[in-house]
Amino acid sequence: MNGLRNSGLLLLLVLVVGCASVPGDPDPRDPMESYNRAMYKFNQVVDDAILKPVAKGYKAITPEPVDRGITNFFNNLADVTSALNNLFQFKPSRAGSDLGRLAVNTTIGVLGFFDVATDMGLPSYKEDFGQTFGYWGDDSSPYLVLPFLGSSTIRDTIGLGGDIAANPLFYIDNRPVTWGLTGLDVTDTRADLLTAGDLLKEAAIDPYAFTRDAYLQHRRNKIFDGNPPEEEDDWEDESGAADAAADAG
C-alpha cells in the first residue's frame, strides 16, 4: 500500500503545480518548466550529495560479475510488468517472450542472476503502464520532473502506480527486505549510469533541456516500438518552410 500511496502523492503534486509557467515562449511539451527546472536542480543536489557517492562506493567494492548479476536480477523482475503490459497492448508474442524469459531466467538463470534467455533468442521488451497508456492514445503528455525519481510525464507518473503494483517486490511480506532490495535496485541503476551522467554534464550546454528532449524522444520511441509517426507540430513547421521556399523560388 505504501507504493500506491506514494504514487497518489505524486499525482497530487502534478495537480498542484499544474499552473506553473515560465516567462516568454516555453516548449509546449514542458508547460511546467519553472517547477521542472527547480526540481531538476533539487534532484541534482541530492544526486551529488547522496546517490552518486553511494553508487561510486558500490561500484568500487562490487566485482563486475556480481554487479552484472544484480542488474540481471532486477531486469528479470521487470519482465513481470512487461508481460502484463504487452498483454494489455494485445501483443501476445511479446508477452510470450517476456514470460519465457521470466521462466528460463528464474530457473536456469538462478532467480535471474544469469541472463540465459537472451542467448536462447528471447528478447527483452520492458513495457510499462506509461507505455500502455501511450499505446491506447495518450502518446503526448506534458513533461514532469519528479522528486528523487527524475524525468517523467503526467502519463508516466500515473502509470507508476501500476508499475509498483505489478512489481513482485511489492508483495514481499517483509518491509525491511522490500526497502532493502529497492535501495539496492536504485544504487545498482545509478552505478550503471555513472559514465553517462558525467558525459552529460560535460557535453550539454543545457543539461536540463538535453535530458528532457532525450527522455521524451526515448519514451515516444518506446510507445511506438521504435517507429513513431511524425509529430503534427514538426510536420506543420516543415510544411510551412517548404511553402516559403517554394514561394521564394
C-alpha atoms as a PDB file:
ATOM      1  CA  MET A   1       0.000   0.000   0.000  1.00  0.00           C
ATOM      2  CA  ASN A   2       2.864   2.399   0.650  1.00  0.00           C
ATOM      3  CA  GLY A   3       3.902   2.283  -3.012  1.00  0.00           C
ATOM      4  CA  LEU A   4       0.428   3.143  -4.279  1.00  0.00           C
ATOM      5  CA  ARG A   5       0.082   5.865  -1.637  1.00  0.00           C
ATOM      6  CA  ASN A   6       3.310   7.433  -2.833  1.00  0.00           C
ATOM      7  CA  SER A   7       2.018   7.356  -6.403  1.00  0.00           C
ATOM      8  CA  GLY A   8      -1.103   9.176  -5.240  1.00  0.00           C
ATOM      9  CA  LEU A   9       1.020  11.867  -3.627  1.00  0.00           C
ATOM     10  CA  LEU A  10       2.985  12.266  -6.847  1.00  0.00           C
ATOM     11  CA  LEU A  11      -0.249  12.679  -8.787  1.00  0.00           C
ATOM     12  CA  LEU A  12      -1.405  15.300  -6.264  1.00  0.00           C
ATOM     13  CA  LEU A  13       1.874  17.121  -6.791  1.00  0.00           C
ATOM     14  CA  VAL A  14       1.194  17.170 -10.537  1.00  0.00           C
ATOM     15  CA  LEU A  15      -2.192  18.806  -9.957  1.00  0.00           C
ATOM     16  CA  VAL A  16      -0.807  21.357  -7.504  1.00  0.00           C
ATOM     17  CA  VAL A  17       1.986  22.569  -9.806  1.00  0.00           C
ATOM     18  CA  GLY A  18      -0.058  22.281 -12.984  1.00  0.00           C
ATOM     19  CA  CYS A  19      -0.477  26.059 -13.260  1.00  0.00           C
ATOM     20  CA  ALA A  20       3.259  26.762 -13.088  1.00  0.00           C
ATOM     21  CA  SER A  21       4.700  28.508 -16.113  1.00  0.00           C
ATOM     22  CA  VAL A  22       7.759  30.297 -17.383  1.00  0.00           C
ATOM     23  CA  PRO A  23       8.016  33.737 -18.950  1.00  0.00           C
ATOM     24  CA  GLY A  24       8.271  34.011 -22.704  1.00  0.00           C
ATOM     25  CA  ASP A  25       7.524  31.164 -25.063  1.00  0.00           C
ATOM     26  CA  PRO A  26       8.156  27.829 -23.287  1.00  0.00           C
ATOM     27  CA  ASP A  27       8.381  24.470 -25.019  1.00  0.00           C
ATOM     28  CA  PRO A  28       4.748  23.311 -25.438  1.00  0.00           C
ATOM     29  CA  ARG A  29       5.781  19.856 -24.234  1.00  0.00           C
ATOM     30  CA  ASP A  30       7.031  21.398 -20.987  1.00  0.00           C
ATOM     31  CA  PRO A  31       4.342  23.788 -19.672  1.00  0.00           C
ATOM     32  CA  MET A  32       5.609  23.395 -16.070  1.00  0.00           C
ATOM     33  CA  GLU A  33       9.197  24.307 -16.915  1.00  0.00           C
ATOM     34  CA  SER A  34       9.730  26.622 -13.916  1.00  0.00           C
ATOM     35  CA  TYR A  35       8.790  23.870 -11.494  1.00  0.00           C
ATOM     36  CA  ASN A  36      10.604  21.207 -13.514  1.00  0.00           C
ATOM     37  CA  ARG A  37      13.877  23.138 -13.603  1.00  0.00           C
ATOM     38  CA  ALA A  38      13.692  23.757  -9.853  1.00  0.00           C
ATOM     39  CA  MET A  39      13.031  20.063  -9.194  1.00  0.00           C
ATOM     40  CA  TYR A  40      15.811  19.096 -11.603  1.00  0.00           C
ATOM     41  CA  LYS A  41      18.252  21.246  -9.598  1.00  0.00           C
ATOM     42  CA  PHE A  42      16.990  19.703  -6.346  1.00  0.00           C
ATOM     43  CA  ASN A  43      17.488  16.199  -7.722  1.00  0.00           C
ATOM     44  CA  GLN A  44      20.998  17.134  -8.859  1.00  0.00           C
ATOM     45  CA  VAL A  45      21.847  18.273  -5.329  1.00  0.00           C
ATOM     46  CA  VAL A  46      20.514  15.016  -3.878  1.00  0.00           C
ATOM     47  CA  ASP A  47      22.366  13.018  -6.513  1.00  0.00           C
ATOM     48  CA  ASP A  48      25.679  14.802  -5.931  1.00  0.00           C
ATOM     49  CA  ALA A  49      25.357  14.569  -2.148  1.00  0.00           C
ATOM     50  CA  ILE A  50      23.998  11.038  -1.725  1.00  0.00           C
ATOM     51  CA  LEU A  51      23.235   8.868  -4.749  1.00  0.00           C
ATOM     52  CA  LYS A  52      26.390   9.418  -6.771  1.00  0.00           C
ATOM     53  CA  PRO A  53      28.833   8.871  -3.864  1.00  0.00           C
ATOM     54  CA  VAL A  54      26.953   5.730  -2.807  1.00  0.00           C
ATOM     55  CA  ALA A  55      26.943   4.469  -6.410  1.00  0.00           C
ATOM     56  CA  LYS A  56      30.690   5.088  -6.725  1.00  0.00           C
ATOM     57  CA  GLY A  57      31.315   3.183  -3.497  1.00  0.00           C
ATOM     58  CA  TYR A  58      29.107   0.331  -4.679  1.00  0.00           C
ATOM     59  CA  LYS A  59      30.939   0.209  -7.997  1.00  0.00           C
ATOM     60  CA  ALA A  60      34.317   0.194  -6.269  1.00  0.00           C
ATOM     61  CA  ILE A  61      33.588  -2.755  -3.958  1.00  0.00           C
ATOM     62  CA  THR A  62      31.326  -4.872  -6.189  1.00  0.00           C
ATOM     63  CA  PRO A  63      33.037  -7.302  -8.585  1.00  0.00           C
ATOM     64  CA  GLU A  64      31.854  -6.852 -12.164  1.00  0.00           C
ATOM     65  CA  PRO A  65      30.224 -10.337 -12.429  1.00  0.00           C
ATOM     66  CA  VAL A  66      28.267  -9.667  -9.229  1.00  0.00           C
ATOM     67  CA  ASP A  67      27.246  -6.203 -10.442  1.00  0.00           C
ATOM     68  CA  ARG A  68      26.018  -7.689 -13.725  1.00  0.00           C
ATOM     69  CA  GLY A  69      24.149 -10.431 -11.867  1.00  0.00           C
ATOM     70  CA  ILE A  70      22.348  -7.895  -9.654  1.00  0.00           C
ATOM     71  CA  THR A  71      21.326  -5.905 -12.732  1.00  0.00           C
ATOM     72  CA  ASN A  72      20.054  -9.117 -14.346  1.00  0.00           C
ATOM     73  CA  PHE A  73      18.078  -9.982 -11.194  1.00  0.00           C
ATOM     74  CA  PHE A  74      16.126  -6.709 -11.265  1.00  0.00           C
ATOM     75  CA  ASN A  75      15.678  -6.896 -15.039  1.00  0.00           C
ATOM     76  CA  ASN A  76      14.131 -10.323 -14.517  1.00  0.00           C
ATOM     77  CA  LEU A  77      11.600  -8.857 -12.070  1.00  0.00           C
ATOM     78  CA  ALA A  78      10.773  -6.153 -14.619  1.00  0.00           C
ATOM     79  CA  ASP A  79       9.765  -8.850 -17.112  1.00  0.00           C
ATOM     80  CA  VAL A  80       6.659  -9.478 -14.965  1.00  0.00           C
ATOM     81  CA  THR A  81       5.429  -5.916 -15.531  1.00  0.00           C
ATOM     82  CA  SER A  82       6.454  -6.089 -19.180  1.00  0.00           C
ATOM     83  CA  ALA A  83       4.469  -9.272 -19.794  1.00  0.00           C
ATOM     84  CA  LEU A  84       1.326  -7.744 -18.274  1.00  0.00           C
ATOM     85  CA  ASN A  85       1.611  -4.587 -20.347  1.00  0.00           C
ATOM     86  CA  ASN A  86       2.249  -6.477 -23.561  1.00  0.00           C
ATOM     87  CA  LEU A  87      -0.982  -8.369 -22.883  1.00  0.00           C
ATOM     88  CA  PHE A  88      -2.817  -5.077 -22.221  1.00  0.00           C
ATOM     89  CA  GLN A  89      -1.471  -3.831 -25.579  1.00  0.00           C
ATOM     90  CA  PHE A  90      -2.631  -7.009 -27.373  1.00  0.00           C
ATOM     91  CA  LYS A  91       0.925  -8.078 -28.201  1.00  0.00           C
ATOM     92  CA  PRO A  92       0.733 -11.788 -27.351  1.00  0.00           C
ATOM     93  CA  SER A  93       4.029 -12.763 -28.989  1.00  0.00           C
ATOM     94  CA  ARG A  94       5.920 -10.175 -26.965  1.00  0.00           C
ATOM     95  CA  ALA A  95       4.088 -11.195 -23.797  1.00  0.00           C
ATOM     96  CA  GLY A  96       5.057 -14.792 -24.514  1.00  0.00           C
ATOM     97  CA  SER A  97       8.697 -13.773 -24.911  1.00  0.00           C
ATOM     98  CA  ASP A  98       8.601 -11.922 -21.579  1.00  0.00           C
ATOM     99  CA  LEU A  99       7.021 -14.910 -19.824  1.00  0.00           C
ATOM    100  CA  GLY A 100       9.538 -17.238 -21.460  1.00  0.00           C
ATOM    101  CA  ARG A 101      12.385 -15.036 -20.263  1.00  0.00           C
ATOM    102  CA  LEU A 102      10.917 -15.000 -16.768  1.00  0.00           C
ATOM    103  CA  ALA A 103      10.585 -18.786 -16.645  1.00  0.00           C
ATOM    104  CA  VAL A 104      14.047 -19.509 -18.055  1.00  0.00           C
ATOM    105  CA  ASN A 105      15.966 -16.863 -16.125  1.00  0.00           C
ATOM    106  CA  THR A 106      14.208 -17.572 -12.822  1.00  0.00           C
ATOM    107  CA  THR A 107      15.012 -21.300 -13.026  1.00  0.00           C
ATOM    108  CA  ILE A 108      18.077 -21.976 -15.154  1.00  0.00           C
ATOM    109  CA  GLY A 109      19.345 -18.444 -14.566  1.00  0.00           C
ATOM    110  CA  VAL A 110      19.155 -18.806 -10.747  1.00  0.00           C
ATOM    111  CA  LEU A 111      16.475 -16.207  -9.900  1.00  0.00           C
ATOM    112  CA  GLY A 112      17.569 -14.084 -12.834  1.00  0.00           C
ATOM    113  CA  PHE A 113      21.204 -13.534 -11.851  1.00  0.00           C
ATOM    114  CA  PHE A 114      22.195 -15.050 -15.196  1.00  0.00           C
ATOM    115  CA  ASP A 115      20.505 -13.861 -18.390  1.00  0.00           C
ATOM    116  CA  VAL A 116      20.162 -17.228 -20.108  1.00  0.00           C
ATOM    117  CA  ALA A 117      17.049 -16.197 -22.058  1.00  0.00           C
ATOM    118  CA  THR A 118      18.803 -13.661 -24.285  1.00  0.00           C
ATOM    119  CA  ASP A 119      21.218 -16.321 -25.502  1.00  0.00           C
ATOM    120  CA  MET A 120      18.199 -18.509 -26.268  1.00  0.00           C
ATOM    121  CA  GLY A 121      16.728 -15.856 -28.576  1.00  0.00           C
ATOM    122  CA  LEU A 122      14.125 -14.435 -26.180  1.00  0.00           C
ATOM    123  CA  PRO A 123      14.404 -10.626 -26.409  1.00  0.00           C
ATOM    124  CA  SER A 124      13.568  -8.228 -23.588  1.00  0.00           C
ATOM    125  CA  TYR A 125      10.886  -5.626 -24.366  1.00  0.00           C
ATOM    126  CA  LYS A 126      10.427  -3.873 -20.988  1.00  0.00           C
ATOM    127  CA  GLU A 127       6.944  -2.417 -21.436  1.00  0.00           C
ATOM    128  CA  ASP A 128       5.348  -0.451 -18.578  1.00  0.00           C
ATOM    129  CA  PHE A 129       1.984   1.126 -17.778  1.00  0.00           C
ATOM    130  CA  GLY A 130       3.046   4.533 -19.094  1.00  0.00           C
ATOM    131  CA  GLN A 131       3.737   2.910 -22.457  1.00  0.00           C
ATOM    132  CA  THR A 132       0.382   1.118 -22.310  1.00  0.00           C
ATOM    133  CA  PHE A 133      -1.449   4.417 -21.732  1.00  0.00           C
ATOM    134  CA  GLY A 134       0.506   5.832 -24.669  1.00  0.00           C
ATOM    135  CA  TYR A 135      -0.417   2.844 -26.826  1.00  0.00           C
ATOM    136  CA  TRP A 136      -4.096   3.495 -26.138  1.00  0.00           C
ATOM    137  CA  GLY A 137      -3.921   7.126 -27.209  1.00  0.00           C
ATOM    138  CA  ASP A 138      -2.069   9.223 -24.636  1.00  0.00           C
ATOM    139  CA  ASP A 139       1.144   9.334 -26.662  1.00  0.00           C
ATOM    140  CA  SER A 140       1.839  13.042 -25.971  1.00  0.00           C
ATOM    141  CA  SER A 141       1.916  14.062 -22.329  1.00  0.00           C
ATOM    142  CA  PRO A 142       3.414  17.102 -20.564  1.00  0.00           C
ATOM    143  CA  TYR A 143       6.936  16.621 -19.234  1.00  0.00           C
ATOM    144  CA  LEU A 144       7.293  16.376 -15.466  1.00  0.00           C
ATOM    145  CA  VAL A 145      10.335  16.043 -13.210  1.00  0.00           C
ATOM    146  CA  LEU A 146       9.533  14.001 -10.100  1.00  0.00           C
ATOM    147  CA  PRO A 147      11.342  14.463  -6.787  1.00  0.00           C
ATOM    148  CA  PHE A 148      14.137  11.876  -6.471  1.00  0.00           C
ATOM    149  CA  LEU A 149      12.827   9.885  -9.478  1.00  0.00           C
ATOM    150  CA  GLY A 150      13.701  12.412 -12.180  1.00  0.00           C
ATOM    151  CA  SER A 151      12.283  12.619 -15.712  1.00  0.00           C
ATOM    152  CA  SER A 152       8.678  11.595 -16.282  1.00  0.00           C
ATOM    153  CA  THR A 153       5.433  12.820 -17.817  1.00  0.00           C
ATOM    154  CA  ILE A 154       1.974  13.138 -16.290  1.00  0.00           C
ATOM    155  CA  ARG A 155       1.049   9.942 -18.159  1.00  0.00           C
ATOM    156  CA  ASP A 156       4.083   8.045 -16.882  1.00  0.00           C
ATOM    157  CA  THR A 157       3.551   9.327 -13.331  1.00  0.00           C
ATOM    158  CA  ILE A 158       0.019   7.939 -13.269  1.00  0.00           C
ATOM    159  CA  GLY A 159       1.329   4.700 -14.764  1.00  0.00           C
ATOM    160  CA  LEU A 160       3.885   4.488 -11.963  1.00  0.00           C
ATOM    161  CA  GLY A 161       1.177   3.233  -9.613  1.00  0.00           C
ATOM    162  CA  GLY A 162       0.522   0.264 -11.879  1.00  0.00           C
ATOM    163  CA  ASP A 163       4.256  -0.431 -12.229  1.00  0.00           C
ATOM    164  CA  ILE A 164       4.637  -0.530  -8.458  1.00  0.00           C
ATOM    165  CA  ALA A 165       1.599  -2.779  -8.026  1.00  0.00           C
ATOM    166  CA  ALA A 166       2.907  -5.200 -10.683  1.00  0.00           C
ATOM    167  CA  ASN A 167       6.408  -5.407  -9.178  1.00  0.00           C
ATOM    168  CA  PRO A 168       6.903  -8.692  -7.260  1.00  0.00           C
ATOM    169  CA  LEU A 169       8.880  -6.772  -4.593  1.00  0.00           C
ATOM    170  CA  PHE A 170       5.604  -5.082  -3.630  1.00  0.00           C
ATOM    171  CA  TYR A 171       4.260  -8.406  -2.359  1.00  0.00           C
ATOM    172  CA  ILE A 172       7.139  -9.418  -0.102  1.00  0.00           C
ATOM    173  CA  ASP A 173       5.655  -9.553   3.394  1.00  0.00           C
ATOM    174  CA  ASN A 174       8.719  -8.011   4.959  1.00  0.00           C
ATOM    175  CA  ARG A 175       9.117  -4.238   4.684  1.00  0.00           C
ATOM    176  CA  PRO A 176      12.849  -4.145   5.548  1.00  0.00           C
ATOM    177  CA  VAL A 177      13.563  -6.691   2.796  1.00  0.00           C
ATOM    178  CA  THR A 178      11.396  -4.796   0.300  1.00  0.00           C
ATOM    179  CA  TRP A 179      13.037  -1.456   1.019  1.00  0.00           C
ATOM    180  CA  GLY A 180      16.487  -3.032   1.130  1.00  0.00           C
ATOM    181  CA  LEU A 181      16.052  -4.569  -2.331  1.00  0.00           C
ATOM    182  CA  THR A 182      14.549  -1.316  -3.622  1.00  0.00           C
ATOM    183  CA  GLY A 183      17.575   0.589  -2.343  1.00  0.00           C
ATOM    184  CA  LEU A 184      19.885  -1.932  -3.993  1.00  0.00           C
ATOM    185  CA  ASP A 185      17.999  -1.529  -7.276  1.00  0.00           C
ATOM    186  CA  VAL A 186      18.351   2.279  -7.139  1.00  0.00           C
ATOM    187  CA  THR A 187      22.048   2.048  -6.277  1.00  0.00           C
ATOM    188  CA  ASP A 188      22.773  -0.508  -8.993  1.00  0.00           C
ATOM    189  CA  THR A 189      20.905   1.553 -11.595  1.00  0.00           C
ATOM    190  CA  ARG A 190      22.732   4.756 -10.614  1.00  0.00           C
ATOM    191  CA  ALA A 191      26.083   2.958 -10.714  1.00  0.00           C
ATOM    192  CA  ASP A 192      25.376   1.798 -14.263  1.00  0.00           C
ATOM    193  CA  LEU A 193      24.774   5.439 -15.266  1.00  0.00           C
ATOM    194  CA  LEU A 194      27.893   6.994 -13.738  1.00  0.00           C
ATOM    195  CA  THR A 195      29.739   7.450 -17.020  1.00  0.00           C
ATOM    196  CA  ALA A 196      26.659   8.702 -18.879  1.00  0.00           C
ATOM    197  CA  GLY A 197      25.954  11.294 -16.172  1.00  0.00           C
ATOM    198  CA  ASP A 198      29.489  12.676 -16.330  1.00  0.00           C
ATOM    199  CA  LEU A 199      29.363  12.904 -20.130  1.00  0.00           C
ATOM    200  CA  LEU A 200      26.031  14.738 -19.960  1.00  0.00           C
ATOM    201  CA  LYS A 201      27.400  17.437 -17.671  1.00  0.00           C
ATOM    202  CA  GLU A 202      30.471  17.918 -19.863  1.00  0.00           C
ATOM    203  CA  ALA A 203      28.801  17.860 -23.283  1.00  0.00           C
ATOM    204  CA  ALA A 204      25.406  19.544 -22.889  1.00  0.00           C
ATOM    205  CA  ILE A 205      25.102  23.342 -22.851  1.00  0.00           C
ATOM    206  CA  ASP A 206      21.755  22.980 -21.049  1.00  0.00           C
ATOM    207  CA  PRO A 207      21.696  19.571 -19.306  1.00  0.00           C
ATOM    208  CA  TYR A 208      18.060  20.060 -18.267  1.00  0.00           C
ATOM    209  CA  ALA A 209      16.813  20.630 -21.826  1.00  0.00           C
ATOM    210  CA  PHE A 210      19.020  17.838 -23.168  1.00  0.00           C
ATOM    211  CA  THR A 211      17.688  15.402 -20.551  1.00  0.00           C
ATOM    212  CA  ARG A 212      14.080  16.436 -21.218  1.00  0.00           C
ATOM    213  CA  ASP A 213      14.367  16.101 -25.002  1.00  0.00           C
ATOM    214  CA  ALA A 214      16.173  12.764 -24.767  1.00  0.00           C
ATOM    215  CA  TYR A 215      13.588  11.388 -22.330  1.00  0.00           C
ATOM    216  CA  LEU A 216      10.582  12.465 -24.395  1.00  0.00           C
ATOM    217  CA  GLN A 217      12.109  11.079 -27.597  1.00  0.00           C
ATOM    218  CA  HIS A 218      13.025   7.807 -25.893  1.00  0.00           C
ATOM    219  CA  ARG A 219       9.530   7.359 -24.460  1.00  0.00           C
ATOM    220  CA  ARG A 220       7.881   8.150 -27.796  1.00  0.00           C
ATOM    221  CA  ASN A 221      10.081   5.569 -29.491  1.00  0.00           C
ATOM    222  CA  LYS A 222       9.163   3.005 -26.825  1.00  0.00           C
ATOM    223  CA  ILE A 223       5.440   3.674 -27.166  1.00  0.00           C
ATOM    224  CA  PHE A 224       5.564   3.134 -30.928  1.00  0.00           C
ATOM    225  CA  ASP A 225       8.023   0.226 -30.757  1.00  0.00           C
ATOM    226  CA  GLY A 226      10.829   2.189 -32.397  1.00  0.00           C
ATOM    227  CA  ASN A 227       8.740   3.532 -35.293  1.00  0.00           C
ATOM    228  CA  PRO A 228       6.980   6.717 -34.101  1.00  0.00           C
ATOM    229  CA  PRO A 229       4.795   8.668 -36.533  1.00  0.00           C
ATOM    230  CA  GLU A 230       5.788  12.184 -37.494  1.00  0.00           C
ATOM    231  CA  GLU A 231       4.600  14.660 -34.893  1.00  0.00           C
ATOM    232  CA  GLU A 232       1.991  17.095 -36.150  1.00  0.00           C
ATOM    233  CA  ASP A 233       3.806  20.241 -34.996  1.00  0.00           C
ATOM    234  CA  ASP A 234       7.002  19.141 -36.725  1.00  0.00           C
ATOM    235  CA  TRP A 235       5.065  18.388 -39.903  1.00  0.00           C
ATOM    236  CA  GLU A 236       3.429  21.803 -39.880  1.00  0.00           C
ATOM    237  CA  ASP A 237       6.773  23.543 -39.378  1.00  0.00           C
ATOM    238  CA  GLU A 238       8.368  21.591 -42.212  1.00  0.00           C
ATOM    239  CA  SER A 239       5.345  22.193 -44.459  1.00  0.00           C
ATOM    240  CA  GLY A 240       5.477  25.912 -43.775  1.00  0.00           C
ATOM    241  CA  ALA A 241       9.182  26.024 -44.533  1.00  0.00           C
ATOM    242  CA  ALA A 242       8.638  24.143 -47.782  1.00  0.00           C
ATOM    243  CA  ASP A 243       5.864  26.532 -48.836  1.00  0.00           C
ATOM    244  CA  ALA A 244       8.049  29.540 -48.045  1.00  0.00           C
ATOM    245  CA  ALA A 245      10.898  28.079 -50.094  1.00  0.00           C
ATOM    246  CA  ALA A 246       8.540  27.405 -52.967  1.00  0.00           C
ATOM    247  CA  ASP A 247       7.200  30.980 -52.862  1.00  0.00           C
ATOM    248  CA  ALA A 248      10.736  32.351 -52.803  1.00  0.00           C
ATOM    249  CA  GLY A 249      11.598  30.255 -55.852  1.00  0.00           C
END
